[in-house]
Amino acid sequence: MNDARSCASCIKINLREATERDRRKIYEWLAHSDLTPSMMGPPQFPDHVVPTWEEFCRDYLPYYFDGSQPNRGRCFIIVANQDDVGVVCYNALRGHNATDVDIWLRSEADCGKGFGSAALQNLTDYLNKEYGVTQIAISPSARNRRAIAAYKKAGFQLIPTERQHDFLKPEEMEYTDNVVLVKEYMHNE
């Protein structure tokens, strides 16, 4: 996959396909890192509990890690300076031109360096080029201002509340205050 450069730090970002061996560490980054409280669980996010390993495995099925069903989703490890710093995933392709994505970094020390924005740019360009995806959504909590800023830096635009369900189903929204940001391509660029 093409690389992208982080404007903030000029660190080269690459994405590599996640494998089953990465699955546990991806879960640990989500559920047990120093970043977890900024994404889920009490006290800031009582509406979005931290998943157990079993719940994570039900959400992120084997095809996210083995590439066997790319139209249903795939995870990629974010690599900066040969170091795994996070994960970015796309979910099921809808109508052959839309999907939604998830991203999280491994630790607080990896934030503010442009890794997330660069990884999202890399992934969205890949989805557009390889699958013709022209509409990519992401749906964080409105309380996660730092994430929203990173998504905007990667070219996502905030969607008005009354139009959010045009992009994601209510059951796909995990917080009581979800916002939806969308990045659109005019065509397969």
Protein backbone atom coordinates (compact mmCIF):
# COMPACT_ATOMS: atom_id res chain seq x y z
CA MET A 1 0.00 0.00 0.00
CA ASN A 2 1.26 3.49 -0.78
CA ASP A 3 2.81 5.42 2.03
CA ALA A 4 1.79 8.82 3.30
CA ARG A 5 3.79 11.42 5.13
CA SER A 6 2.62 13.03 8.31
CA CYS A 7 2.75 16.78 7.77
CA ALA A 8 3.18 17.40 11.49
CA SER A 9 6.29 15.31 11.92
CA CYS A 10 7.40 14.18 8.42
CA ILE A 11 7.36 10.58 9.63
CA LYS A 12 6.73 8.04 6.93
CA ILE A 13 3.52 6.06 7.53
CA ASN A 14 2.84 2.64 6.03
CA LEU A 15 -0.09 0.30 6.41
CA ARG A 16 0.44 -3.43 6.50
CA GLU A 17 -2.29 -6.02 6.48
CA ALA A 18 -3.04 -7.20 10.01
CA THR A 19 -2.77 -10.92 10.66
CA GLU A 20 -4.25 -13.21 13.27
CA ARG A 21 -1.01 -12.78 15.26
CA ASP A 22 -1.81 -9.05 15.56
CA ARG A 23 -5.33 -9.60 16.86
CA ARG A 24 -4.53 -9.71 20.59
CA LYS A 25 -2.33 -6.60 20.56
CA ILE A 26 -4.95 -4.71 18.55
CA TYR A 27 -7.46 -5.60 21.26
CA GLU A 28 -5.03 -4.54 24.00
CA TRP A 29 -4.52 -1.16 22.31
CA LEU A 30 -8.29 -0.68 22.25
CA ALA A 31 -9.28 -2.02 25.64
CA HIS A 32 -6.26 -1.73 27.93
CA SER A 33 -4.03 1.15 26.83
CA ASP A 34 -3.57 4.60 28.31
CA LEU A 35 -5.78 5.83 25.43
CA THR A 36 -8.75 3.63 26.32
CA PRO A 37 -10.32 6.20 28.72
CA SER A 38 -10.33 8.78 25.91
CA MET A 39 -12.44 6.45 23.72
CA MET A 40 -14.61 4.27 25.94
CA GLY A 41 -15.60 3.25 29.43
CA PRO A 42 -16.37 5.24 32.56
CA PRO A 43 -16.06 7.91 33.70
CA GLN A 44 -16.06 9.86 30.40
CA PHE A 45 -17.86 7.24 28.28
CA PRO A 46 -20.30 5.29 30.48
CA ASP A 47 -22.48 4.85 27.38
CA HIS A 48 -19.76 2.83 25.60
CA VAL A 49 -18.30 0.09 27.77
CA VAL A 50 -14.88 -1.42 27.14
CA PRO A 51 -15.36 -4.71 25.26
CA THR A 52 -14.19 -8.04 26.58
CA TRP A 53 -11.88 -10.14 24.42
CA GLU A 54 -14.87 -12.28 23.41
CA GLU A 55 -16.93 -9.23 22.39
CA PHE A 56 -14.01 -7.86 20.39
CA CYS A 57 -13.65 -11.19 18.57
CA ARG A 58 -17.38 -11.17 17.71
CA ASP A 59 -17.00 -7.68 16.22
CA TYR A 60 -13.68 -8.29 14.48
CA LEU A 61 -14.13 -11.69 12.87
CA PRO A 62 -11.24 -13.67 11.32
CA TYR A 63 -11.67 -12.10 7.87
CA TYR A 64 -10.48 -8.76 9.29
CA PHE A 65 -7.11 -10.48 9.85
CA ASP A 66 -6.80 -13.01 7.03
CA GLY A 67 -8.11 -11.08 4.02
CA SER A 68 -10.49 -13.89 3.06
CA GLN A 69 -13.51 -11.60 2.66
CA PRO A 70 -12.24 -8.13 1.69
CA ASN A 71 -15.76 -6.90 0.88
CA ARG A 72 -16.73 -7.50 4.53
CA GLY A 73 -13.80 -5.67 6.15
CA ARG A 74 -10.08 -5.63 6.84
CA CYS A 75 -7.67 -4.32 9.48
CA PHE A 76 -4.29 -2.73 8.79
CA ILE A 77 -1.48 -2.02 11.22
CA ILE A 78 -0.23 1.57 11.14
CA VAL A 79 3.57 1.48 10.93
CA ALA A 80 5.78 4.52 11.62
CA ASN A 81 9.56 4.19 11.51
CA GLN A 82 9.20 0.39 11.48
CA ASP A 83 7.17 0.53 14.70
CA ASP A 84 3.53 -0.62 15.01
CA VAL A 85 1.66 2.41 16.35
CA GLY A 86 -2.01 1.63 15.76
CA VAL A 87 -4.70 0.05 13.65
CA VAL A 88 -7.13 1.28 11.02
CA CYS A 89 -9.97 -0.90 9.73
CA TYR A 90 -12.66 -0.65 7.13
CA ASN A 91 -15.97 -2.42 7.54
CA ALA A 92 -18.33 -4.01 4.99
CA LEU A 93 -18.47 -2.33 1.61
CA ARG A 94 -22.01 -1.09 0.99
CA GLY A 95 -23.37 -0.79 -2.51
CA HIS A 96 -19.83 -1.16 -3.83
CA ASN A 97 -19.11 2.52 -3.17
CA ALA A 98 -19.42 3.20 0.58
CA THR A 99 -17.99 1.96 3.86
CA ASP A 100 -17.14 3.13 7.34
CA VAL A 101 -13.83 2.97 9.15
CA ASP A 102 -12.43 2.66 12.67
CA ILE A 103 -9.03 3.72 13.96
CA TRP A 104 -7.16 3.69 17.24
CA LEU A 105 -3.56 4.13 18.27
CA ARG A 106 -1.61 2.01 20.72
CA SER A 107 -0.80 4.73 23.28
CA GLU A 108 -0.98 8.37 24.26
CA ALA A 109 2.66 8.76 23.22
CA ASP A 110 1.63 8.11 19.59
CA CYS A 111 -0.97 10.90 19.54
CA GLY A 112 -0.41 14.35 18.09
CA LYS A 113 2.18 13.17 15.57
CA GLY A 114 -0.09 12.91 12.54
CA PHE A 115 -0.08 9.10 12.46
CA GLY A 116 -3.87 8.78 12.53
CA SER A 117 -4.54 11.41 9.87
CA ALA A 118 -1.88 9.98 7.57
CA ALA A 119 -3.18 6.43 8.06
CA LEU A 120 -6.74 7.50 7.27
CA GLN A 121 -5.56 9.31 4.13
CA ASN A 122 -3.64 6.21 3.08
CA LEU A 123 -6.58 3.87 3.74
CA THR A 124 -9.22 6.04 2.05
CA ASP A 125 -7.03 6.46 -1.05
CA TYR A 126 -6.53 2.68 -1.13
CA LEU A 127 -10.28 2.00 -0.80
CA ASN A 128 -11.03 4.44 -3.59
CA LYS A 129 -8.37 3.06 -5.92
CA GLU A 130 -8.82 -0.67 -5.24
CA TYR A 131 -12.59 -0.92 -4.64
CA GLY A 132 -14.02 2.25 -6.17
CA VAL A 133 -15.24 3.44 -2.76
CA THR A 134 -16.32 7.07 -3.03
CA GLN A 135 -17.88 7.61 0.40
CA ILE A 136 -16.16 6.77 3.70
CA ALA A 137 -17.77 7.51 7.07
CA ILE A 138 -16.40 7.55 10.61
CA SER A 139 -18.48 8.09 13.73
CA PRO A 140 -16.76 9.10 16.97
CA SER A 141 -18.27 10.55 20.11
CA ALA A 142 -18.63 14.33 20.03
CA ARG A 143 -16.62 14.24 23.28
CA ASN A 144 -13.55 12.96 21.42
CA ARG A 145 -12.48 16.32 20.03
CA ARG A 146 -8.90 15.27 19.35
CA ALA A 147 -10.07 12.41 17.12
CA ILE A 148 -12.49 14.68 15.27
CA ALA A 149 -9.67 17.13 14.55
CA ALA A 150 -7.50 14.29 13.18
CA TYR A 151 -10.35 13.09 10.95
CA LYS A 152 -10.87 16.59 9.57
CA LYS A 153 -7.14 16.82 8.87
CA ALA A 154 -7.50 13.63 6.79
CA GLY A 155 -10.24 15.23 4.68
CA PHE A 156 -13.39 14.13 6.52
CA GLN A 157 -16.21 16.65 6.87
CA LEU A 158 -18.73 16.85 9.70
CA ILE A 159 -22.26 15.90 8.60
CA PRO A 160 -25.26 17.77 10.04
CA THR A 161 -27.14 15.75 12.67
CA GLU A 162 -30.29 15.50 10.55
CA ARG A 163 -28.30 13.76 7.76
CA GLN A 164 -26.23 11.33 9.85
CA HIS A 165 -28.55 8.39 9.18
CA ASP A 166 -27.97 8.85 5.45
CA PHE A 167 -24.47 7.51 6.11
CA LEU A 168 -24.76 5.13 9.08
CA LYS A 169 -27.60 3.14 10.60
CA PRO A 170 -28.57 4.02 14.19
CA GLU A 171 -27.41 0.58 15.39
CA GLU A 172 -23.94 1.30 13.99
CA MET A 173 -23.53 4.28 16.31
CA GLU A 174 -21.91 3.30 19.59
CA TYR A 175 -22.29 6.50 21.63
CA THR A 176 -25.20 8.63 22.80
CA ASP A 177 -23.58 11.64 21.13
CA ASN A 178 -22.16 10.22 17.90
CA VAL A 179 -21.15 12.61 15.19
CA VAL A 180 -20.64 11.46 11.63
CA LEU A 181 -17.81 12.65 9.44
CA VAL A 182 -17.62 11.67 5.78
CA LYS A 183 -14.90 11.80 3.18
CA GLU A 184 -16.08 11.71 -0.41
CA TYR A 185 -14.29 11.12 -3.68
CA MET A 186 -15.82 12.29 -6.93
CA HIS A 187 -14.97 8.99 -8.63
CA ASN A 188 -12.36 6.28 -8.59
CA GLU A 189 -9.35 8.63 -8.61
